[in-house]
Amino acid sequence: MDAVGEKLNSPLIPYPGKQLLSGSSGYFFALKQGIKDRYIYDLTLSTGEIMYECKGGMGFSDEKHIIGLHDLIQKPYAEPLILEEFKTHFKGKWGPAKYNRLRRDLNKELRNPSRRTFAKLYCLMSASGFIHKFDRHGNFKCEYFPHTLDTSQIGLKNRKLINSDFILIKSKFGSFKSELLTKDSLAHIHLPFPSTEPNKKKFFSFLEGIDSKGKNFLLTARLKNRNKTDEVLLEWSKNYSSIIFHSSAFFSDIFITNF
């Protein structure tokens, strides 16, 4: 059985509630041929696990620290820098007192962050179970959670990231202009889990607008969690093409496209 915190940071940049089940994206790419050859506009950038598997892409987020983390991992020195910060500041005996001191020091640096600051943030997020919680001033507010640090995905994908066409934009998804879409690209939205009904309606309406203009989209989402199915999402998916990945009888992801 996995230790507490084990595999929490298996995606490139983990983001509970905004990431896919393990093996989910691979299943989708295997069944939906040609997606990896497209340019992806990731309009709700979180983990980047769809965009970074493709030819190139542009990630949109209004979370400045998400942009900073993605900017870091695209650099060739990302993994050694994160490991260096971990060995310097996070080694030795762990506990809430040490965590709180490091969090306080980090929040001072986040006022004018460098890439080293974001390496520290990656380590601190690992120590909090990768929960993304910031106050309105941009201070990291998560509490201590027993953890392990795993940077293997950064090491595996870094060569592709630094030699590919990936752009980061600090902006809300609604600012995206559908005129940018071509036959070789698509708009991607990941529906957070859990998501409110108004939030779902907002995303559905936006993608319906993309569809009405003859452009392609991909919506990814958690369909079933602990045996509870999102019936609203399932009903909306019937208007389009969908692929469902079941990790067990209790959990599944859905991939919805209009092509």
C-alpha atoms as a PDB file:
ATOM      1  CA  MET A   1       0.000   0.000   0.000  1.00  0.00           C
ATOM      2  CA  ASP A   2       1.290   3.479  -0.853  1.00  0.00           C
ATOM      3  CA  ALA A   3       2.609   5.642   1.956  1.00  0.00           C
ATOM      4  CA  VAL A   4       0.744   8.806   2.901  1.00  0.00           C
ATOM      5  CA  GLY A   5       1.270  11.357   0.142  1.00  0.00           C
ATOM      6  CA  GLU A   6       2.756   8.800  -2.256  1.00  0.00           C
ATOM      7  CA  LYS A   7       2.177   9.555  -5.958  1.00  0.00           C
ATOM      8  CA  LEU A   8       0.426  12.842  -5.194  1.00  0.00           C
ATOM      9  CA  ASN A   9       2.783  14.536  -7.617  1.00  0.00           C
ATOM     10  CA  SER A  10       2.699  12.024 -10.461  1.00  0.00           C
ATOM     11  CA  PRO A  11       1.547  14.533 -13.127  1.00  0.00           C
ATOM     12  CA  LEU A  12       3.994  17.173 -14.314  1.00  0.00           C
ATOM     13  CA  ILE A  13       2.392  19.839 -12.146  1.00  0.00           C
ATOM     14  CA  PRO A  14      -0.150  18.072  -9.903  1.00  0.00           C
ATOM     15  CA  TYR A  15      -3.441  19.833  -9.245  1.00  0.00           C
ATOM     16  CA  PRO A  16      -6.039  17.817  -7.294  1.00  0.00           C
ATOM     17  CA  GLY A  17      -9.500  18.387  -8.728  1.00  0.00           C
ATOM     18  CA  LYS A  18      -8.042  19.472 -12.065  1.00  0.00           C
ATOM     19  CA  GLN A  19      -6.099  16.413 -13.109  1.00  0.00           C
ATOM     20  CA  LEU A  20      -7.012  13.200 -14.890  1.00  0.00           C
ATOM     21  CA  LEU A  21      -6.960   9.676 -13.498  1.00  0.00           C
ATOM     22  CA  SER A  22      -3.734   7.736 -13.971  1.00  0.00           C
ATOM     23  CA  GLY A  23      -3.671   6.174 -17.448  1.00  0.00           C
ATOM     24  CA  SER A  24      -6.661   8.211 -18.591  1.00  0.00           C
ATOM     25  CA  SER A  25      -4.960  10.486 -21.133  1.00  0.00           C
ATOM     26  CA  GLY A  26      -2.963   7.594 -22.621  1.00  0.00           C
ATOM     27  CA  TYR A  27      -6.179   5.667 -23.212  1.00  0.00           C
ATOM     28  CA  PHE A  28      -7.743   8.674 -24.944  1.00  0.00           C
ATOM     29  CA  PHE A  29      -4.732   9.350 -27.197  1.00  0.00           C
ATOM     30  CA  ALA A  30      -4.637   5.694 -28.240  1.00  0.00           C
ATOM     31  CA  LEU A  31      -8.284   5.745 -29.337  1.00  0.00           C
ATOM     32  CA  LYS A  32      -8.390   9.269 -30.800  1.00  0.00           C
ATOM     33  CA  GLN A  33      -5.647   9.173 -33.394  1.00  0.00           C
ATOM     34  CA  GLY A  34      -4.119  12.440 -34.597  1.00  0.00           C
ATOM     35  CA  ILE A  35      -4.720  14.527 -31.466  1.00  0.00           C
ATOM     36  CA  LYS A  36      -1.022  14.565 -30.605  1.00  0.00           C
ATOM     37  CA  ASP A  37      -0.298  16.190 -33.981  1.00  0.00           C
ATOM     38  CA  ARG A  38      -2.502  19.164 -33.177  1.00  0.00           C
ATOM     39  CA  TYR A  39      -1.784  22.519 -31.555  1.00  0.00           C
ATOM     40  CA  ILE A  40      -3.674  22.743 -28.250  1.00  0.00           C
ATOM     41  CA  TYR A  41      -5.161  25.896 -26.750  1.00  0.00           C
ATOM     42  CA  ASP A  42      -5.451  24.857 -23.090  1.00  0.00           C
ATOM     43  CA  LEU A  43      -7.940  27.468 -21.854  1.00  0.00           C
ATOM     44  CA  THR A  44      -7.954  26.314 -18.212  1.00  0.00           C
ATOM     45  CA  LEU A  45      -4.294  25.446 -17.730  1.00  0.00           C
ATOM     46  CA  SER A  46      -3.611  23.372 -14.625  1.00  0.00           C
ATOM     47  CA  THR A  47      -1.499  20.222 -14.999  1.00  0.00           C
ATOM     48  CA  GLY A  48      -0.829  20.641 -18.745  1.00  0.00           C
ATOM     49  CA  GLU A  49      -1.028  16.855 -19.149  1.00  0.00           C
ATOM     50  CA  ILE A  50      -3.001  17.063 -22.426  1.00  0.00           C
ATOM     51  CA  MET A  51      -1.197  20.038 -23.961  1.00  0.00           C
ATOM     52  CA  TYR A  52       2.313  18.769 -23.266  1.00  0.00           C
ATOM     53  CA  GLU A  53       1.615  15.483 -25.042  1.00  0.00           C
ATOM     54  CA  CYS A  54       0.805  17.326 -28.269  1.00  0.00           C
ATOM     55  CA  LYS A  55       2.686  19.095 -31.034  1.00  0.00           C
ATOM     56  CA  GLY A  56       2.579  22.465 -29.316  1.00  0.00           C
ATOM     57  CA  GLY A  57       0.203  24.655 -27.421  1.00  0.00           C
ATOM     58  CA  MET A  58      -0.795  27.803 -25.619  1.00  0.00           C
ATOM     59  CA  GLY A  59      -1.867  27.648 -21.981  1.00  0.00           C
ATOM     60  CA  PHE A  60      -4.207  30.240 -20.446  1.00  0.00           C
ATOM     61  CA  SER A  61      -4.581  30.816 -16.713  1.00  0.00           C
ATOM     62  CA  ASP A  62      -5.396  33.735 -14.441  1.00  0.00           C
ATOM     63  CA  GLU A  63      -3.485  32.016 -11.617  1.00  0.00           C
ATOM     64  CA  LYS A  64      -0.101  33.724 -11.764  1.00  0.00           C
ATOM     65  CA  HIS A  65       1.617  31.033  -9.730  1.00  0.00           C
ATOM     66  CA  ILE A  66       0.454  28.315 -12.139  1.00  0.00           C
ATOM     67  CA  ILE A  67       1.997  30.319 -14.976  1.00  0.00           C
ATOM     68  CA  GLY A  68       5.215  30.652 -12.951  1.00  0.00           C
ATOM     69  CA  LEU A  69       5.390  26.913 -12.255  1.00  0.00           C
ATOM     70  CA  HIS A  70       4.859  26.023 -15.911  1.00  0.00           C
ATOM     71  CA  ASP A  71       7.451  28.586 -16.948  1.00  0.00           C
ATOM     72  CA  LEU A  72       9.946  26.881 -14.622  1.00  0.00           C
ATOM     73  CA  ILE A  73       9.369  23.319 -15.816  1.00  0.00           C
ATOM     74  CA  GLN A  74       9.959  24.335 -19.440  1.00  0.00           C
ATOM     75  CA  LYS A  75      13.542  25.245 -18.554  1.00  0.00           C
ATOM     76  CA  PRO A  76      16.350  22.659 -18.942  1.00  0.00           C
ATOM     77  CA  TYR A  77      17.478  23.211 -15.345  1.00  0.00           C
ATOM     78  CA  ALA A  78      14.018  22.722 -13.778  1.00  0.00           C
ATOM     79  CA  GLU A  79      14.553  19.286 -12.232  1.00  0.00           C
ATOM     80  CA  PRO A  80      18.050  19.916 -10.775  1.00  0.00           C
ATOM     81  CA  LEU A  81      16.921  23.300  -9.418  1.00  0.00           C
ATOM     82  CA  ILE A  82      13.898  21.781  -7.654  1.00  0.00           C
ATOM     83  CA  LEU A  83      16.050  18.980  -6.233  1.00  0.00           C
ATOM     84  CA  GLU A  84      18.681  21.499  -5.105  1.00  0.00           C
ATOM     85  CA  GLU A  85      16.063  23.553  -3.266  1.00  0.00           C
ATOM     86  CA  PHE A  86      14.633  20.404  -1.712  1.00  0.00           C
ATOM     87  CA  LYS A  87      18.046  19.287  -0.419  1.00  0.00           C
ATOM     88  CA  THR A  88      18.884  22.791   0.842  1.00  0.00           C
ATOM     89  CA  HIS A  89      15.640  23.716   2.607  1.00  0.00           C
ATOM     90  CA  PHE A  90      13.503  20.599   2.953  1.00  0.00           C
ATOM     91  CA  LYS A  91      15.862  17.869   4.138  1.00  0.00           C
ATOM     92  CA  GLY A  92      16.033  16.582   7.705  1.00  0.00           C
ATOM     93  CA  LYS A  93      13.274  16.247  10.249  1.00  0.00           C
ATOM     94  CA  TRP A  94       9.893  17.457   9.043  1.00  0.00           C
ATOM     95  CA  GLY A  95       6.881  18.807  10.836  1.00  0.00           C
ATOM     96  CA  PRO A  96       4.372  21.680  10.924  1.00  0.00           C
ATOM     97  CA  ALA A  97       6.806  24.127  12.592  1.00  0.00           C
ATOM     98  CA  LYS A  98       9.438  23.776   9.856  1.00  0.00           C
ATOM     99  CA  TYR A  99       6.761  23.860   7.160  1.00  0.00           C
ATOM    100  CA  ASN A 100       5.240  27.084   8.543  1.00  0.00           C
ATOM    101  CA  ARG A 101       8.644  28.792   8.668  1.00  0.00           C
ATOM    102  CA  LEU A 102       9.411  27.852   5.062  1.00  0.00           C
ATOM    103  CA  ARG A 103       5.940  28.939   3.951  1.00  0.00           C
ATOM    104  CA  ARG A 104       6.388  32.331   5.635  1.00  0.00           C
ATOM    105  CA  ASP A 105       9.761  32.862   3.956  1.00  0.00           C
ATOM    106  CA  LEU A 106       8.404  31.750   0.578  1.00  0.00           C
ATOM    107  CA  ASN A 107       5.455  34.152   0.717  1.00  0.00           C
ATOM    108  CA  LYS A 108       7.894  37.045   1.101  1.00  0.00           C
ATOM    109  CA  GLU A 109       9.700  35.889  -2.044  1.00  0.00           C
ATOM    110  CA  LEU A 110       6.443  35.471  -3.998  1.00  0.00           C
ATOM    111  CA  ARG A 111       6.019  39.250  -4.001  1.00  0.00           C
ATOM    112  CA  ASN A 112       8.822  39.380  -6.566  1.00  0.00           C
ATOM    113  CA  PRO A 113       9.430  35.742  -7.524  1.00  0.00           C
ATOM    114  CA  SER A 114      12.344  34.247  -9.418  1.00  0.00           C
ATOM    115  CA  ARG A 115      12.429  30.764 -10.941  1.00  0.00           C
ATOM    116  CA  ARG A 116      14.235  29.612  -7.802  1.00  0.00           C
ATOM    117  CA  THR A 117      11.223  30.879  -5.842  1.00  0.00           C
ATOM    118  CA  PHE A 118       8.952  28.682  -7.952  1.00  0.00           C
ATOM    119  CA  ALA A 119      11.270  25.721  -7.346  1.00  0.00           C
ATOM    120  CA  LYS A 120      10.732  26.296  -3.614  1.00  0.00           C
ATOM    121  CA  LEU A 121       6.988  26.613  -4.217  1.00  0.00           C
ATOM    122  CA  TYR A 122       6.989  23.242  -6.015  1.00  0.00           C
ATOM    123  CA  CYS A 123       8.668  21.660  -2.971  1.00  0.00           C
ATOM    124  CA  LEU A 124       6.288  23.368  -0.542  1.00  0.00           C
ATOM    125  CA  MET A 125       3.285  22.252  -2.595  1.00  0.00           C
ATOM    126  CA  SER A 126       4.599  18.696  -2.419  1.00  0.00           C
ATOM    127  CA  ALA A 127       4.734  19.102   1.356  1.00  0.00           C
ATOM    128  CA  SER A 128       1.067  20.136   1.394  1.00  0.00           C
ATOM    129  CA  GLY A 129      -0.296  17.393  -0.846  1.00  0.00           C
ATOM    130  CA  PHE A 130      -0.301  19.747  -3.850  1.00  0.00           C
ATOM    131  CA  ILE A 131      -3.397  21.624  -2.780  1.00  0.00           C
ATOM    132  CA  HIS A 132      -3.525  24.969  -4.605  1.00  0.00           C
ATOM    133  CA  LYS A 133      -4.689  27.536  -2.088  1.00  0.00           C
ATOM    134  CA  PHE A 134      -3.647  31.190  -2.244  1.00  0.00           C
ATOM    135  CA  ASP A 135      -5.209  34.252  -0.604  1.00  0.00           C
ATOM    136  CA  ARG A 136      -6.170  37.408  -2.514  1.00  0.00           C
ATOM    137  CA  HIS A 137      -2.665  38.794  -1.973  1.00  0.00           C
ATOM    138  CA  GLY A 138      -1.057  35.774  -3.646  1.00  0.00           C
ATOM    139  CA  ASN A 139       0.210  34.182  -0.425  1.00  0.00           C
ATOM    140  CA  PHE A 140       0.422  30.383  -0.312  1.00  0.00           C
ATOM    141  CA  LYS A 141      -1.949  29.230   2.434  1.00  0.00           C
ATOM    142  CA  CYS A 142      -1.852  25.413   2.449  1.00  0.00           C
ATOM    143  CA  GLU A 143      -1.107  23.420   5.567  1.00  0.00           C
ATOM    144  CA  TYR A 144       1.481  20.689   6.131  1.00  0.00           C
ATOM    145  CA  PHE A 145       0.778  17.205   4.760  1.00  0.00           C
ATOM    146  CA  PRO A 146       3.222  14.229   4.868  1.00  0.00           C
ATOM    147  CA  HIS A 147       4.720  13.825   1.391  1.00  0.00           C
ATOM    148  CA  THR A 148       7.243  12.446  -1.014  1.00  0.00           C
ATOM    149  CA  LEU A 149       8.908  14.458  -3.766  1.00  0.00           C
ATOM    150  CA  ASP A 150       8.873  12.951  -7.259  1.00  0.00           C
ATOM    151  CA  THR A 151      10.322  14.975 -10.130  1.00  0.00           C
ATOM    152  CA  SER A 152      10.554  12.069 -12.580  1.00  0.00           C
ATOM    153  CA  GLN A 153       7.897  13.469 -14.919  1.00  0.00           C
ATOM    154  CA  ILE A 154       9.805  16.736 -15.210  1.00  0.00           C
ATOM    155  CA  GLY A 155      12.967  14.844 -16.093  1.00  0.00           C
ATOM    156  CA  LEU A 156      11.165  12.663 -18.633  1.00  0.00           C
ATOM    157  CA  LYS A 157       9.381  15.459 -20.471  1.00  0.00           C
ATOM    158  CA  ASN A 158      11.813  18.333 -20.123  1.00  0.00           C
ATOM    159  CA  ARG A 159      13.645  17.682 -23.398  1.00  0.00           C
ATOM    160  CA  LYS A 160      10.384  17.899 -25.314  1.00  0.00           C
ATOM    161  CA  LEU A 161       9.215  20.975 -23.429  1.00  0.00           C
ATOM    162  CA  ILE A 162      12.344  23.034 -24.093  1.00  0.00           C
ATOM    163  CA  ASN A 163      12.376  22.170 -27.798  1.00  0.00           C
ATOM    164  CA  SER A 164       8.669  22.587 -28.538  1.00  0.00           C
ATOM    165  CA  ASP A 165       6.228  25.395 -29.150  1.00  0.00           C
ATOM    166  CA  PHE A 166       4.518  25.969 -25.807  1.00  0.00           C
ATOM    167  CA  ILE A 167       3.392  29.469 -24.812  1.00  0.00           C
ATOM    168  CA  LEU A 168       1.955  30.652 -21.487  1.00  0.00           C
ATOM    169  CA  ILE A 169      -0.627  33.442 -21.248  1.00  0.00           C
ATOM    170  CA  LYS A 170      -1.919  35.023 -18.018  1.00  0.00           C
ATOM    171  CA  SER A 171      -5.554  35.506 -18.948  1.00  0.00           C
ATOM    172  CA  LYS A 172      -9.046  34.148 -18.291  1.00  0.00           C
ATOM    173  CA  PHE A 173     -10.325  31.506 -20.712  1.00  0.00           C
ATOM    174  CA  GLY A 174     -13.141  33.804 -21.874  1.00  0.00           C
ATOM    175  CA  SER A 175     -10.638  36.159 -23.494  1.00  0.00           C
ATOM    176  CA  PHE A 176      -9.698  33.494 -26.054  1.00  0.00           C
ATOM    177  CA  LYS A 177     -10.526  34.392 -29.661  1.00  0.00           C
ATOM    178  CA  SER A 178     -11.884  31.433 -31.618  1.00  0.00           C
ATOM    179  CA  GLU A 179     -10.472  32.961 -34.805  1.00  0.00           C
ATOM    180  CA  LEU A 180      -7.118  31.548 -33.708  1.00  0.00           C
ATOM    181  CA  LEU A 181      -8.367  27.998 -34.242  1.00  0.00           C
ATOM    182  CA  THR A 182      -7.472  26.200 -37.476  1.00  0.00           C
ATOM    183  CA  LYS A 183      -8.040  22.646 -38.749  1.00  0.00           C
ATOM    184  CA  ASP A 184      -4.730  21.716 -37.097  1.00  0.00           C
ATOM    185  CA  SER A 185      -5.642  22.990 -33.632  1.00  0.00           C
ATOM    186  CA  LEU A 186      -8.351  22.687 -30.991  1.00  0.00           C
ATOM    187  CA  ALA A 187      -9.590  24.382 -27.831  1.00  0.00           C
ATOM    188  CA  HIS A 188      -9.259  22.311 -24.644  1.00  0.00           C
ATOM    189  CA  ILE A 189     -11.087  22.879 -21.373  1.00  0.00           C
ATOM    190  CA  HIS A 190     -10.788  20.689 -18.298  1.00  0.00           C
ATOM    191  CA  LEU A 191     -13.875  20.845 -16.109  1.00  0.00           C
ATOM    192  CA  PRO A 192     -12.712  21.034 -12.472  1.00  0.00           C
ATOM    193  CA  PHE A 193     -13.964  18.448 -10.011  1.00  0.00           C
ATOM    194  CA  PRO A 194     -16.185  19.131  -8.231  1.00  0.00           C
ATOM    195  CA  SER A 195     -17.770  21.847 -10.348  1.00  0.00           C
ATOM    196  CA  THR A 196     -20.923  23.878  -9.683  1.00  0.00           C
ATOM    197  CA  GLU A 197     -23.847  23.828 -12.094  1.00  0.00           C
ATOM    198  CA  PRO A 198     -23.315  27.522 -13.085  1.00  0.00           C
ATOM    199  CA  ASN A 199     -19.656  26.728 -13.758  1.00  0.00           C
ATOM    200  CA  LYS A 200     -20.576  23.789 -15.983  1.00  0.00           C
ATOM    201  CA  LYS A 201     -23.111  25.930 -17.853  1.00  0.00           C
ATOM    202  CA  LYS A 202     -20.442  28.589 -18.451  1.00  0.00           C
ATOM    203  CA  PHE A 203     -17.998  26.084 -19.954  1.00  0.00           C
ATOM    204  CA  PHE A 204     -20.670  24.247 -21.947  1.00  0.00           C
ATOM    205  CA  SER A 205     -21.938  27.510 -23.441  1.00  0.00           C
ATOM    206  CA  PHE A 206     -18.423  28.564 -24.399  1.00  0.00           C
ATOM    207  CA  LEU A 207     -17.715  25.270 -26.172  1.00  0.00           C
ATOM    208  CA  GLU A 208     -21.080  25.323 -27.919  1.00  0.00           C
ATOM    209  CA  GLY A 209     -20.026  28.689 -29.321  1.00  0.00           C
ATOM    210  CA  ILE A 210     -16.773  27.143 -30.568  1.00  0.00           C
ATOM    211  CA  ASP A 211     -18.763  24.342 -32.178  1.00  0.00           C
ATOM    212  CA  SER A 212     -21.195  26.753 -33.869  1.00  0.00           C
ATOM    213  CA  LYS A 213     -18.246  28.346 -35.673  1.00  0.00           C
ATOM    214  CA  GLY A 214     -17.102  25.023 -37.077  1.00  0.00           C
ATOM    215  CA  LYS A 215     -14.040  24.819 -34.818  1.00  0.00           C
ATOM    216  CA  ASN A 216     -12.882  21.802 -32.806  1.00  0.00           C
ATOM    217  CA  PHE A 217     -12.882  21.390 -29.036  1.00  0.00           C
ATOM    218  CA  LEU A 218     -11.987  18.858 -26.360  1.00  0.00           C
ATOM    219  CA  LEU A 219     -13.563  18.809 -22.912  1.00  0.00           C
ATOM    220  CA  THR A 220     -12.024  16.558 -20.255  1.00  0.00           C
ATOM    221  CA  ALA A 221     -13.665  15.881 -16.907  1.00  0.00           C
ATOM    222  CA  ARG A 222     -14.263  13.433 -14.078  1.00  0.00           C
ATOM    223  CA  LEU A 223     -17.469  11.601 -14.945  1.00  0.00           C
ATOM    224  CA  LYS A 224     -17.731   9.270 -11.974  1.00  0.00           C
ATOM    225  CA  ASN A 225     -16.252   9.740  -8.521  1.00  0.00           C
ATOM    226  CA  ARG A 226     -16.763   7.198  -5.746  1.00  0.00           C
ATOM    227  CA  ASN A 227     -19.571   5.641  -7.794  1.00  0.00           C
ATOM    228  CA  LYS A 228     -21.446   8.971  -8.190  1.00  0.00           C
ATOM    229  CA  THR A 229     -21.949   9.897 -11.861  1.00  0.00           C
ATOM    230  CA  ASP A 230     -22.169  13.507 -13.069  1.00  0.00           C
ATOM    231  CA  GLU A 231     -25.522  13.197 -14.840  1.00  0.00           C
ATOM    232  CA  VAL A 232     -25.489  16.788 -16.153  1.00  0.00           C
ATOM    233  CA  LEU A 233     -22.139  16.218 -17.831  1.00  0.00           C
ATOM    234  CA  LEU A 234     -23.222  12.830 -19.166  1.00  0.00           C
ATOM    235  CA  GLU A 235     -26.386  14.293 -20.704  1.00  0.00           C
ATOM    236  CA  TRP A 236     -24.461  17.144 -22.376  1.00  0.00           C
ATOM    237  CA  SER A 237     -21.940  14.688 -23.785  1.00  0.00           C
ATOM    238  CA  LYS A 238     -24.671  12.950 -25.803  1.00  0.00           C
ATOM    239  CA  ASN A 239     -24.588  15.871 -28.261  1.00  0.00           C
ATOM    240  CA  TYR A 240     -21.012  15.029 -29.212  1.00  0.00           C
ATOM    241  CA  SER A 241     -18.483  12.207 -29.452  1.00  0.00           C
ATOM    242  CA  SER A 242     -17.132  10.853 -26.176  1.00  0.00           C
ATOM    243  CA  ILE A 243     -14.599   8.372 -24.826  1.00  0.00           C
ATOM    244  CA  ILE A 244     -14.895   7.126 -21.238  1.00  0.00           C
ATOM    245  CA  PHE A 245     -11.970   5.752 -19.263  1.00  0.00           C
ATOM    246  CA  HIS A 246     -12.777   3.588 -16.229  1.00  0.00           C
ATOM    247  CA  SER A 247      -9.973   3.235 -13.699  1.00  0.00           C
ATOM    248  CA  SER A 248     -12.292   1.092 -11.550  1.00  0.00           C
ATOM    249  CA  ALA A 249     -16.002   0.571 -10.959  1.00  0.00           C
ATOM    250  CA  PHE A 250     -16.003   3.748  -8.878  1.00  0.00           C
ATOM    251  CA  PHE A 251     -13.951   6.250 -10.902  1.00  0.00           C
ATOM    252  CA  SER A 252     -13.991   7.340 -14.555  1.00  0.00           C
ATOM    253  CA  ASP A 253     -12.949  10.236 -16.796  1.00  0.00           C
ATOM    254  CA  ILE A 254     -14.705  11.414 -19.940  1.00  0.00           C
ATOM    255  CA  PHE A 255     -13.208  12.991 -23.068  1.00  0.00           C
ATOM    256  CA  ILE A 256     -15.749  14.874 -25.190  1.00  0.00           C
ATOM    257  CA  THR A 257     -14.991  16.153 -28.710  1.00  0.00           C
ATOM    258  CA  ASN A 258     -17.102  17.647 -31.500  1.00  0.00           C
ATOM    259  CA  PHE A 259     -15.214  15.766 -34.216  1.00  0.00           C
END
